[in-house]
Amino acid sequence: MIQNETEKKNKIRDAVSIILEEIGEDSAREGLVGTPVRVEKMFEEICSGYQADLVEIVNGAVFHEAAEGMILVRDIEFYSLCEHHLMPFFGKVHTAYIPDGRIIGLSKIPRIVDMYARRLQVQERMTRQILEAIQTVLAPKGIAVIVEASHLCARMRGVKKEQAALVTSLFTGIFETNTDLRKEFFERLKMDVPL
């Protein structure tokens, strides 16, 4: 059965109302009356990555250029939702690539990050998806992706470790084989080089 958008929105709103009541709240209380609608709209916005398309995001902004050396886009802020607890995780993504005759418009890598961050996620998968998207679009000589994030599921519940951060990284091509290049990448990020 195919649902229209109104039916989907109403199902989310009804589910939020049920949750509020089941945790002991009064969903008719002044502060909560509009909560189901606000939560439904929030999910529509922060899960918009499911409707995003890589080709539309790049929008032809790949250019033939004899560029050499590392192209680094660092400190890309992101917000996502952990698929295990539906709690936010957030942080920064750092990407670099060594071009092989093609470069991409500056805004496109942050848009790629958003496409994958705005879904229910695990950080490890998101790191790989960003790398694979850059590979698909540019086919560079090598790619480096590092994601640093704080997970509220580890800060607010469970182990309750406020300072814990998860760092994931992937390297392909020349970044994988050339330790000097990897070291330069970490130096540009002002990060310690892993042993």
N, C-alpha and C. Protein backbone atom coordinates (compact mmCIF):
# COMPACT_ATOMS: atom_id res chain seq x y z
N MET A 1 0.83 -1.18 0.00
CA MET A 1 0.00 0.00 0.00
C MET A 1 0.88 1.25 0.00
N ILE A 2 0.66 2.12 -0.93
CA ILE A 2 1.43 3.36 -1.04
C ILE A 2 0.76 4.43 -0.18
N GLN A 3 1.57 5.04 0.69
CA GLN A 3 1.07 6.11 1.56
C GLN A 3 1.38 7.46 0.95
N ASN A 4 0.47 8.39 1.13
CA ASN A 4 0.80 9.74 0.69
C ASN A 4 1.55 10.45 1.83
N GLU A 5 2.07 11.63 1.53
CA GLU A 5 2.89 12.36 2.50
C GLU A 5 2.11 12.71 3.77
N THR A 6 0.85 13.06 3.63
CA THR A 6 0.04 13.41 4.79
C THR A 6 -0.11 12.21 5.73
N GLU A 7 -0.34 11.03 5.17
CA GLU A 7 -0.47 9.82 5.99
C GLU A 7 0.83 9.52 6.73
N LYS A 8 1.97 9.67 6.05
CA LYS A 8 3.27 9.44 6.68
C LYS A 8 3.48 10.40 7.85
N LYS A 9 3.18 11.68 7.61
CA LYS A 9 3.36 12.69 8.66
C LYS A 9 2.46 12.39 9.85
N ASN A 10 1.22 12.02 9.59
CA ASN A 10 0.28 11.71 10.67
C ASN A 10 0.73 10.49 11.47
N LYS A 11 1.30 9.50 10.82
CA LYS A 11 1.79 8.32 11.54
C LYS A 11 2.92 8.69 12.50
N ILE A 12 3.83 9.55 12.05
CA ILE A 12 4.93 10.00 12.92
C ILE A 12 4.36 10.79 14.10
N ARG A 13 3.44 11.69 13.83
CA ARG A 13 2.83 12.51 14.89
C ARG A 13 2.10 11.63 15.91
N ASP A 14 1.36 10.64 15.41
CA ASP A 14 0.65 9.73 16.32
C ASP A 14 1.64 8.94 17.18
N ALA A 15 2.74 8.50 16.57
CA ALA A 15 3.75 7.74 17.31
C ALA A 15 4.37 8.59 18.42
N VAL A 16 4.64 9.86 18.12
CA VAL A 16 5.20 10.76 19.14
C VAL A 16 4.21 10.94 20.28
N SER A 17 2.94 11.10 19.97
CA SER A 17 1.92 11.24 21.01
C SER A 17 1.88 10.00 21.90
N ILE A 18 1.97 8.84 21.30
CA ILE A 18 1.97 7.58 22.08
C ILE A 18 3.19 7.53 23.00
N ILE A 19 4.35 7.90 22.49
CA ILE A 19 5.56 7.89 23.32
C ILE A 19 5.40 8.84 24.50
N LEU A 20 4.91 10.03 24.24
CA LEU A 20 4.71 11.01 25.33
C LEU A 20 3.80 10.44 26.41
N GLU A 21 2.72 9.83 26.00
CA GLU A 21 1.78 9.27 26.97
C GLU A 21 2.38 8.09 27.72
N GLU A 22 3.13 7.25 27.02
CA GLU A 22 3.70 6.05 27.64
C GLU A 22 4.82 6.35 28.63
N ILE A 23 5.47 7.51 28.48
CA ILE A 23 6.50 7.86 29.47
C ILE A 23 5.90 8.61 30.65
N GLY A 24 4.57 8.81 30.62
CA GLY A 24 3.90 9.42 31.75
C GLY A 24 3.55 10.88 31.58
N GLU A 25 3.65 11.40 30.37
CA GLU A 25 3.34 12.81 30.11
C GLU A 25 1.88 12.97 29.68
N ASP A 26 1.43 14.18 29.77
CA ASP A 26 0.09 14.54 29.30
C ASP A 26 0.27 15.24 27.95
N SER A 27 -0.03 14.55 26.86
CA SER A 27 0.21 15.13 25.54
C SER A 27 -0.71 16.31 25.24
N ALA A 28 -1.71 16.55 26.10
CA ALA A 28 -2.59 17.71 25.94
C ALA A 28 -2.09 18.92 26.72
N ARG A 29 -0.99 18.73 27.46
CA ARG A 29 -0.40 19.83 28.23
C ARG A 29 0.08 20.93 27.27
N GLU A 30 -0.03 22.19 27.68
CA GLU A 30 0.28 23.33 26.81
C GLU A 30 1.64 23.20 26.11
N GLY A 31 2.66 22.84 26.86
CA GLY A 31 4.00 22.75 26.28
C GLY A 31 4.19 21.58 25.33
N LEU A 32 3.28 20.61 25.38
CA LEU A 32 3.42 19.42 24.54
C LEU A 32 2.42 19.33 23.40
N VAL A 33 1.44 20.21 23.39
CA VAL A 33 0.38 20.12 22.37
C VAL A 33 0.97 20.10 20.95
N GLY A 34 1.92 20.95 20.68
CA GLY A 34 2.52 21.02 19.34
C GLY A 34 3.73 20.13 19.13
N THR A 35 4.12 19.38 20.16
CA THR A 35 5.34 18.57 20.06
C THR A 35 5.28 17.52 18.95
N PRO A 36 4.20 16.77 18.78
CA PRO A 36 4.18 15.78 17.68
C PRO A 36 4.44 16.40 16.31
N VAL A 37 3.88 17.58 16.06
CA VAL A 37 4.11 18.25 14.78
C VAL A 37 5.56 18.71 14.68
N ARG A 38 6.09 19.28 15.77
CA ARG A 38 7.48 19.75 15.75
C ARG A 38 8.45 18.60 15.54
N VAL A 39 8.21 17.46 16.19
CA VAL A 39 9.10 16.31 16.06
C VAL A 39 9.02 15.75 14.63
N GLU A 40 7.83 15.69 14.08
CA GLU A 40 7.69 15.19 12.69
C GLU A 40 8.47 16.09 11.74
N LYS A 41 8.35 17.41 11.90
CA LYS A 41 9.08 18.35 11.03
C LYS A 41 10.59 18.24 11.25
N MET A 42 11.00 18.02 12.51
CA MET A 42 12.41 17.86 12.82
C MET A 42 12.97 16.63 12.08
N PHE A 43 12.25 15.51 12.15
CA PHE A 43 12.73 14.30 11.47
C PHE A 43 12.79 14.51 9.96
N GLU A 44 11.83 15.23 9.42
CA GLU A 44 11.85 15.51 7.98
C GLU A 44 13.12 16.27 7.60
N GLU A 45 13.50 17.24 8.44
CA GLU A 45 14.69 18.04 8.16
C GLU A 45 15.97 17.26 8.40
N ILE A 46 16.10 16.63 9.57
CA ILE A 46 17.39 16.01 9.89
C ILE A 46 17.59 14.64 9.24
N CYS A 47 16.55 14.13 8.60
CA CYS A 47 16.68 12.88 7.84
C CYS A 47 16.51 13.13 6.34
N SER A 48 16.75 14.37 5.92
CA SER A 48 16.57 14.73 4.51
C SER A 48 17.59 14.08 3.59
N GLY A 49 18.63 13.47 4.15
CA GLY A 49 19.64 12.81 3.32
C GLY A 49 19.10 11.64 2.53
N TYR A 50 18.00 11.06 2.98
CA TYR A 50 17.41 9.94 2.24
C TYR A 50 16.88 10.39 0.88
N GLN A 51 16.48 11.65 0.76
CA GLN A 51 15.97 12.17 -0.50
C GLN A 51 17.07 12.78 -1.37
N ALA A 52 18.27 12.89 -0.84
CA ALA A 52 19.37 13.51 -1.59
C ALA A 52 19.94 12.55 -2.62
N ASP A 53 20.45 13.11 -3.69
CA ASP A 53 21.01 12.33 -4.78
C ASP A 53 22.41 12.87 -5.11
N LEU A 54 23.39 11.99 -5.19
CA LEU A 54 24.78 12.41 -5.42
C LEU A 54 24.93 13.20 -6.71
N VAL A 55 24.30 12.76 -7.78
CA VAL A 55 24.43 13.46 -9.06
C VAL A 55 23.84 14.87 -8.96
N GLU A 56 22.70 15.01 -8.30
CA GLU A 56 22.10 16.34 -8.13
C GLU A 56 22.94 17.24 -7.24
N ILE A 57 23.53 16.65 -6.20
CA ILE A 57 24.37 17.44 -5.30
C ILE A 57 25.60 17.98 -6.03
N VAL A 58 26.26 17.13 -6.78
CA VAL A 58 27.47 17.55 -7.50
C VAL A 58 27.11 18.52 -8.62
N ASN A 59 25.98 18.29 -9.29
CA ASN A 59 25.42 19.22 -10.26
C ASN A 59 26.44 19.67 -11.31
N GLY A 60 27.25 18.73 -11.76
CA GLY A 60 28.21 19.04 -12.81
C GLY A 60 29.43 19.83 -12.37
N ALA A 61 29.61 20.03 -11.08
CA ALA A 61 30.72 20.86 -10.59
C ALA A 61 32.01 20.06 -10.43
N VAL A 62 32.32 19.25 -11.44
CA VAL A 62 33.61 18.55 -11.52
C VAL A 62 34.33 19.15 -12.72
N PHE A 63 35.57 19.58 -12.49
CA PHE A 63 36.29 20.33 -13.51
C PHE A 63 37.62 19.65 -13.83
N HIS A 64 37.93 19.61 -15.12
CA HIS A 64 39.22 19.06 -15.55
C HIS A 64 40.29 20.11 -15.26
N GLU A 65 41.24 19.70 -14.44
CA GLU A 65 42.28 20.63 -13.99
C GLU A 65 43.54 19.83 -13.69
N ALA A 66 44.68 20.36 -14.11
CA ALA A 66 45.95 19.69 -13.85
C ALA A 66 46.48 20.07 -12.47
N ALA A 67 45.63 20.02 -11.48
CA ALA A 67 46.03 20.36 -10.10
C ALA A 67 46.90 19.25 -9.54
N GLU A 68 47.85 19.66 -8.71
CA GLU A 68 48.74 18.69 -8.07
C GLU A 68 48.71 18.92 -6.57
N GLY A 69 49.12 17.93 -5.85
CA GLY A 69 49.19 18.06 -4.41
C GLY A 69 47.85 17.79 -3.75
N MET A 70 47.86 17.90 -2.44
CA MET A 70 46.69 17.57 -1.63
C MET A 70 45.67 18.69 -1.65
N ILE A 71 44.42 18.30 -1.84
CA ILE A 71 43.30 19.22 -1.70
C ILE A 71 42.56 18.80 -0.45
N LEU A 72 42.56 19.69 0.54
CA LEU A 72 42.02 19.38 1.86
C LEU A 72 40.80 20.27 2.14
N VAL A 73 39.72 19.62 2.56
CA VAL A 73 38.55 20.35 3.07
C VAL A 73 38.38 19.88 4.50
N ARG A 74 38.63 20.77 5.44
CA ARG A 74 38.65 20.37 6.84
C ARG A 74 37.55 21.06 7.64
N ASP A 75 37.33 20.52 8.84
CA ASP A 75 36.40 21.12 9.80
C ASP A 75 34.98 21.29 9.24
N ILE A 76 34.51 20.29 8.52
CA ILE A 76 33.13 20.30 8.01
C ILE A 76 32.23 19.85 9.16
N GLU A 77 31.48 20.78 9.70
CA GLU A 77 30.59 20.44 10.82
C GLU A 77 29.43 19.57 10.32
N PHE A 78 29.02 18.62 11.17
CA PHE A 78 27.87 17.80 10.81
C PHE A 78 27.10 17.43 12.07
N TYR A 79 25.85 17.08 11.87
CA TYR A 79 24.96 16.56 12.92
C TYR A 79 24.26 15.36 12.33
N SER A 80 24.16 14.29 13.11
CA SER A 80 23.49 13.09 12.63
C SER A 80 22.73 12.44 13.78
N LEU A 81 22.03 11.36 13.48
CA LEU A 81 21.29 10.60 14.49
C LEU A 81 21.81 9.18 14.53
N CYS A 82 22.19 8.74 15.70
CA CYS A 82 22.62 7.35 15.91
C CYS A 82 21.42 6.43 15.66
N GLU A 83 21.60 5.45 14.82
CA GLU A 83 20.48 4.56 14.51
C GLU A 83 20.15 3.60 15.65
N HIS A 84 21.01 3.48 16.61
CA HIS A 84 20.76 2.55 17.72
C HIS A 84 19.83 3.13 18.78
N HIS A 85 19.94 4.45 19.03
CA HIS A 85 19.14 5.07 20.10
C HIS A 85 18.37 6.31 19.64
N LEU A 86 18.51 6.67 18.37
CA LEU A 86 17.91 7.90 17.84
C LEU A 86 18.35 9.13 18.62
N MET A 87 19.61 9.10 19.06
CA MET A 87 20.19 10.25 19.75
C MET A 87 21.23 10.90 18.83
N PRO A 88 21.40 12.20 18.96
CA PRO A 88 22.34 12.90 18.08
C PRO A 88 23.80 12.51 18.32
N PHE A 89 24.55 12.53 17.23
CA PHE A 89 26.01 12.60 17.33
C PHE A 89 26.43 13.69 16.35
N PHE A 90 27.54 14.35 16.70
CA PHE A 90 27.92 15.53 15.94
C PHE A 90 29.42 15.72 16.04
N GLY A 91 29.97 16.43 15.07
CA GLY A 91 31.40 16.67 15.09
C GLY A 91 31.87 17.30 13.80
N LYS A 92 33.06 16.85 13.37
CA LYS A 92 33.68 17.41 12.17
C LYS A 92 34.20 16.30 11.28
N VAL A 93 34.15 16.59 9.99
CA VAL A 93 34.71 15.70 8.97
C VAL A 93 35.86 16.44 8.31
N HIS A 94 36.94 15.71 8.09
CA HIS A 94 38.09 16.24 7.36
C HIS A 94 38.32 15.32 6.16
N THR A 95 38.39 15.89 4.97
CA THR A 95 38.64 15.08 3.77
C THR A 95 39.79 15.68 2.98
N ALA A 96 40.49 14.81 2.30
CA ALA A 96 41.55 15.26 1.39
C ALA A 96 41.58 14.30 0.22
N TYR A 97 42.02 14.82 -0.92
CA TYR A 97 42.22 13.95 -2.07
C TYR A 97 43.38 14.46 -2.90
N ILE A 98 43.98 13.54 -3.62
CA ILE A 98 45.04 13.88 -4.58
C ILE A 98 44.41 13.74 -5.96
N PRO A 99 44.22 14.85 -6.66
CA PRO A 99 43.48 14.79 -7.92
C PRO A 99 44.22 14.01 -9.01
N ASP A 100 43.44 13.46 -9.90
CA ASP A 100 43.97 12.78 -11.07
C ASP A 100 43.32 13.40 -12.30
N GLY A 101 43.53 14.72 -12.44
CA GLY A 101 43.02 15.44 -13.59
C GLY A 101 41.64 16.06 -13.39
N ARG A 102 41.04 15.85 -12.21
CA ARG A 102 39.71 16.41 -11.96
C ARG A 102 39.62 16.93 -10.53
N ILE A 103 38.95 18.07 -10.38
CA ILE A 103 38.70 18.64 -9.05
C ILE A 103 37.19 18.88 -8.93
N ILE A 104 36.74 19.11 -7.70
CA ILE A 104 35.32 19.32 -7.45
C ILE A 104 35.11 20.70 -6.81
N GLY A 105 33.97 21.31 -7.08
CA GLY A 105 33.64 22.60 -6.48
C GLY A 105 33.69 22.54 -4.96
N LEU A 106 34.15 23.59 -4.34
CA LEU A 106 34.41 23.62 -2.90
C LEU A 106 33.19 23.26 -2.06
N SER A 107 32.00 23.69 -2.45
CA SER A 107 30.81 23.43 -1.62
C SER A 107 30.32 21.99 -1.72
N LYS A 108 30.80 21.24 -2.67
CA LYS A 108 30.20 19.92 -2.94
C LYS A 108 30.58 18.87 -1.89
N ILE A 109 31.79 18.92 -1.37
CA ILE A 109 32.16 17.93 -0.35
C ILE A 109 31.36 18.14 0.93
N PRO A 110 31.20 19.36 1.44
CA PRO A 110 30.30 19.52 2.59
C PRO A 110 28.87 19.06 2.30
N ARG A 111 28.40 19.25 1.08
CA ARG A 111 27.05 18.78 0.73
C ARG A 111 26.99 17.25 0.73
N ILE A 112 28.07 16.61 0.29
CA ILE A 112 28.14 15.14 0.35
C ILE A 112 28.11 14.68 1.80
N VAL A 113 28.86 15.35 2.66
CA VAL A 113 28.83 15.02 4.09
C VAL A 113 27.41 15.12 4.63
N ASP A 114 26.73 16.22 4.31
CA ASP A 114 25.35 16.40 4.79
C ASP A 114 24.42 15.30 4.27
N MET A 115 24.61 14.91 3.03
CA MET A 115 23.74 13.88 2.46
C MET A 115 23.76 12.60 3.31
N TYR A 116 24.94 12.22 3.78
CA TYR A 116 25.04 10.99 4.57
C TYR A 116 24.81 11.22 6.05
N ALA A 117 25.13 12.42 6.55
CA ALA A 117 24.90 12.70 7.97
C ALA A 117 23.41 12.82 8.27
N ARG A 118 22.64 13.27 7.30
CA ARG A 118 21.20 13.48 7.53
C ARG A 118 20.41 12.21 7.26
N ARG A 119 20.84 11.16 7.92
CA ARG A 119 20.18 9.86 7.88
C ARG A 119 20.40 9.21 9.24
N LEU A 120 19.66 8.16 9.54
CA LEU A 120 20.01 7.37 10.72
C LEU A 120 21.34 6.71 10.38
N GLN A 121 22.32 6.82 11.28
CA GLN A 121 23.68 6.44 10.92
C GLN A 121 24.42 5.75 12.04
N VAL A 122 25.51 5.12 11.64
CA VAL A 122 26.63 4.81 12.52
C VAL A 122 27.82 5.52 11.90
N GLN A 123 28.70 6.03 12.71
CA GLN A 123 29.80 6.86 12.22
C GLN A 123 30.70 6.09 11.26
N GLU A 124 30.92 4.83 11.55
CA GLU A 124 31.81 4.03 10.70
C GLU A 124 31.26 3.94 9.27
N ARG A 125 29.96 3.71 9.13
CA ARG A 125 29.35 3.63 7.80
C ARG A 125 29.40 4.98 7.11
N MET A 126 29.10 6.05 7.85
CA MET A 126 29.11 7.38 7.27
C MET A 126 30.49 7.74 6.72
N THR A 127 31.53 7.37 7.44
CA THR A 127 32.91 7.62 6.98
C THR A 127 33.14 6.95 5.63
N ARG A 128 32.72 5.69 5.51
CA ARG A 128 32.90 4.95 4.26
C ARG A 128 32.05 5.55 3.14
N GLN A 129 30.83 5.94 3.44
CA GLN A 129 29.96 6.51 2.40
C GLN A 129 30.53 7.80 1.84
N ILE A 130 31.10 8.64 2.69
CA ILE A 130 31.71 9.88 2.22
C ILE A 130 32.88 9.56 1.29
N LEU A 131 33.73 8.64 1.71
CA LEU A 131 34.89 8.25 0.90
C LEU A 131 34.43 7.68 -0.44
N GLU A 132 33.45 6.79 -0.42
CA GLU A 132 32.98 6.16 -1.67
C GLU A 132 32.34 7.18 -2.61
N ALA A 133 31.65 8.17 -2.07
CA ALA A 133 31.05 9.20 -2.92
C ALA A 133 32.13 10.02 -3.62
N ILE A 134 33.17 10.40 -2.88
CA ILE A 134 34.28 11.16 -3.49
C ILE A 134 34.96 10.31 -4.55
N GLN A 135 35.13 9.03 -4.28
CA GLN A 135 35.73 8.12 -5.25
C GLN A 135 34.87 8.04 -6.52
N THR A 136 33.57 7.91 -6.34
CA THR A 136 32.66 7.82 -7.49
C THR A 136 32.71 9.06 -8.35
N VAL A 137 32.74 10.21 -7.73
CA VAL A 137 32.67 11.48 -8.46
C VAL A 137 34.00 11.85 -9.11
N LEU A 138 35.13 11.61 -8.41
CA LEU A 138 36.42 12.12 -8.88
C LEU A 138 37.42 11.07 -9.34
N ALA A 139 37.33 9.85 -8.83
CA ALA A 139 38.34 8.82 -9.09
C ALA A 139 39.75 9.39 -8.92
N PRO A 140 40.05 9.97 -7.74
CA PRO A 140 41.37 10.59 -7.54
C PRO A 140 42.44 9.53 -7.28
N LYS A 141 43.68 10.00 -7.15
CA LYS A 141 44.80 9.10 -6.86
C LYS A 141 44.75 8.57 -5.44
N GLY A 142 44.06 9.27 -4.56
CA GLY A 142 43.92 8.83 -3.18
C GLY A 142 42.97 9.73 -2.42
N ILE A 143 42.36 9.16 -1.38
CA ILE A 143 41.40 9.90 -0.57
C ILE A 143 41.71 9.61 0.90
N ALA A 144 41.54 10.63 1.73
CA ALA A 144 41.62 10.49 3.19
C ALA A 144 40.34 11.10 3.78
N VAL A 145 39.72 10.38 4.70
CA VAL A 145 38.54 10.88 5.40
C VAL A 145 38.70 10.57 6.88
N ILE A 146 38.55 11.59 7.71
CA ILE A 146 38.54 11.41 9.16
C ILE A 146 37.28 12.07 9.69
N VAL A 147 36.60 11.35 10.57
CA VAL A 147 35.40 11.88 11.22
C VAL A 147 35.64 11.83 12.73
N GLU A 148 35.48 12.98 13.39
CA GLU A 148 35.59 13.08 14.85
C GLU A 148 34.21 13.46 15.38
N ALA A 149 33.68 12.69 16.33
CA ALA A 149 32.32 12.99 16.79
C ALA A 149 32.11 12.67 18.25
N SER A 150 31.19 13.42 18.84
CA SER A 150 30.67 13.15 20.18
C SER A 150 29.29 12.55 20.02
N HIS A 151 29.05 11.49 20.77
CA HIS A 151 27.78 10.75 20.67
C HIS A 151 27.01 10.93 21.97
N LEU A 152 25.82 11.53 21.88
CA LEU A 152 25.03 11.74 23.09
C LEU A 152 24.58 10.43 23.72
N CYS A 153 24.50 9.36 22.94
CA CYS A 153 24.14 8.07 23.53
C CYS A 153 25.21 7.59 24.51
N ALA A 154 26.46 8.04 24.33
CA ALA A 154 27.53 7.69 25.27
C ALA A 154 27.72 8.75 26.35
N ARG A 155 27.22 9.97 26.11
CA ARG A 155 27.37 11.04 27.09
C ARG A 155 26.22 11.09 28.08
N MET A 156 25.01 10.86 27.60
CA MET A 156 23.82 11.05 28.44
C MET A 156 23.29 9.76 29.05
N ARG A 157 23.59 8.62 28.45
CA ARG A 157 23.06 7.35 28.92
C ARG A 157 24.19 6.33 28.90
N GLY A 158 23.90 5.14 29.32
CA GLY A 158 24.91 4.09 29.26
C GLY A 158 26.14 4.43 30.08
N VAL A 159 27.29 4.52 29.42
CA VAL A 159 28.55 4.75 30.13
C VAL A 159 28.70 6.16 30.67
N LYS A 160 27.97 7.12 30.14
CA LYS A 160 27.97 8.52 30.60
C LYS A 160 29.38 9.11 30.67
N LYS A 161 30.08 9.05 29.58
CA LYS A 161 31.43 9.61 29.48
C LYS A 161 31.39 10.86 28.61
N GLU A 162 31.40 12.02 29.25
CA GLU A 162 31.22 13.28 28.54
C GLU A 162 32.36 13.63 27.60
N GLN A 163 33.57 13.18 27.89
CA GLN A 163 34.71 13.56 27.07
C GLN A 163 35.02 12.55 25.97
N ALA A 164 34.32 11.43 25.98
CA ALA A 164 34.61 10.38 24.98
C ALA A 164 34.25 10.88 23.58
N ALA A 165 35.15 10.66 22.66
CA ALA A 165 34.91 11.01 21.26
C ALA A 165 35.30 9.81 20.41
N LEU A 166 34.58 9.62 19.33
CA LEU A 166 34.89 8.54 18.39
C LEU A 166 35.56 9.15 17.18
N VAL A 167 36.69 8.59 16.79
CA VAL A 167 37.40 9.04 15.60
C VAL A 167 37.48 7.87 14.64
N THR A 168 36.97 8.06 13.43
CA THR A 168 37.05 7.03 12.40
C THR A 168 37.84 7.59 11.23
N SER A 169 38.56 6.73 10.54
CA SER A 169 39.36 7.19 9.40
C SER A 169 39.44 6.10 8.35
N LEU A 170 39.50 6.54 7.12
CA LEU A 170 39.71 5.65 5.98
C LEU A 170 40.64 6.33 4.99
N PHE A 171 41.48 5.52 4.35
CA PHE A 171 42.42 6.02 3.37
C PHE A 171 42.40 5.10 2.16
N THR A 172 42.51 5.68 0.97
CA THR A 172 42.61 4.87 -0.24
C THR A 172 43.78 5.37 -1.08
N GLY A 173 44.18 4.52 -2.02
CA GLY A 173 45.19 4.90 -3.00
C GLY A 173 46.48 5.36 -2.37
N ILE A 174 46.97 6.50 -2.83
CA ILE A 174 48.27 6.99 -2.41
C ILE A 174 48.29 7.35 -0.91
N PHE A 175 47.14 7.70 -0.34
CA PHE A 175 47.10 7.95 1.11
C PHE A 175 47.32 6.66 1.90
N GLU A 176 46.94 5.56 1.32
CA GLU A 176 47.11 4.28 1.99
C GLU A 176 48.55 3.78 1.90
N THR A 177 49.21 4.08 0.80
CA THR A 177 50.55 3.53 0.57
C THR A 177 51.69 4.47 0.93
N ASN A 178 51.42 5.77 0.98
CA ASN A 178 52.47 6.75 1.19
C ASN A 178 52.36 7.32 2.60
N THR A 179 53.21 6.86 3.50
CA THR A 179 53.14 7.30 4.91
C THR A 179 53.49 8.79 5.05
N ASP A 180 54.37 9.30 4.20
CA ASP A 180 54.72 10.73 4.26
C ASP A 180 53.51 11.60 3.92
N LEU A 181 52.73 11.18 2.95
CA LEU A 181 51.54 11.92 2.57
C LEU A 181 50.50 11.88 3.69
N ARG A 182 50.35 10.71 4.30
CA ARG A 182 49.42 10.59 5.43
C ARG A 182 49.87 11.49 6.59
N LYS A 183 51.19 11.52 6.83
CA LYS A 183 51.74 12.37 7.89
C LYS A 183 51.46 13.83 7.58
N GLU A 184 51.62 14.25 6.32
CA GLU A 184 51.33 15.63 5.93
C GLU A 184 49.85 15.94 6.18
N PHE A 185 48.98 15.00 5.87
CA PHE A 185 47.54 15.18 6.10
C PHE A 185 47.27 15.44 7.58
N PHE A 186 47.85 14.61 8.45
CA PHE A 186 47.65 14.80 9.89
C PHE A 186 48.27 16.10 10.38
N GLU A 187 49.42 16.47 9.83
CA GLU A 187 50.04 17.73 10.22
C GLU A 187 49.17 18.93 9.84
N ARG A 188 48.57 18.85 8.67
CA ARG A 188 47.67 19.94 8.26
C ARG A 188 46.45 20.03 9.17
N LEU A 189 46.05 18.94 9.73
CA LEU A 189 44.93 18.94 10.66
C LEU A 189 45.37 19.27 12.07
N LYS A 190 46.70 19.38 12.27
CA LYS A 190 47.27 19.60 13.61
C LYS A 190 46.84 18.50 14.57
N MET A 191 46.89 17.29 14.05
CA MET A 191 46.55 16.11 14.85
C MET A 191 47.81 15.31 15.06
N ASP A 192 47.82 14.51 16.11
CA ASP A 192 48.93 13.60 16.35
C ASP A 192 48.89 12.50 15.29
N VAL A 193 50.08 12.13 14.82
CA VAL A 193 50.17 11.04 13.86
C VAL A 193 50.09 9.72 14.61
N PRO A 194 49.14 8.84 14.24
CA PRO A 194 49.06 7.55 14.93
C PRO A 194 50.31 6.72 14.64
N LEU A 195 50.71 5.95 15.62
CA LEU A 195 51.90 5.11 15.45
C LEU A 195 51.61 3.92 14.56
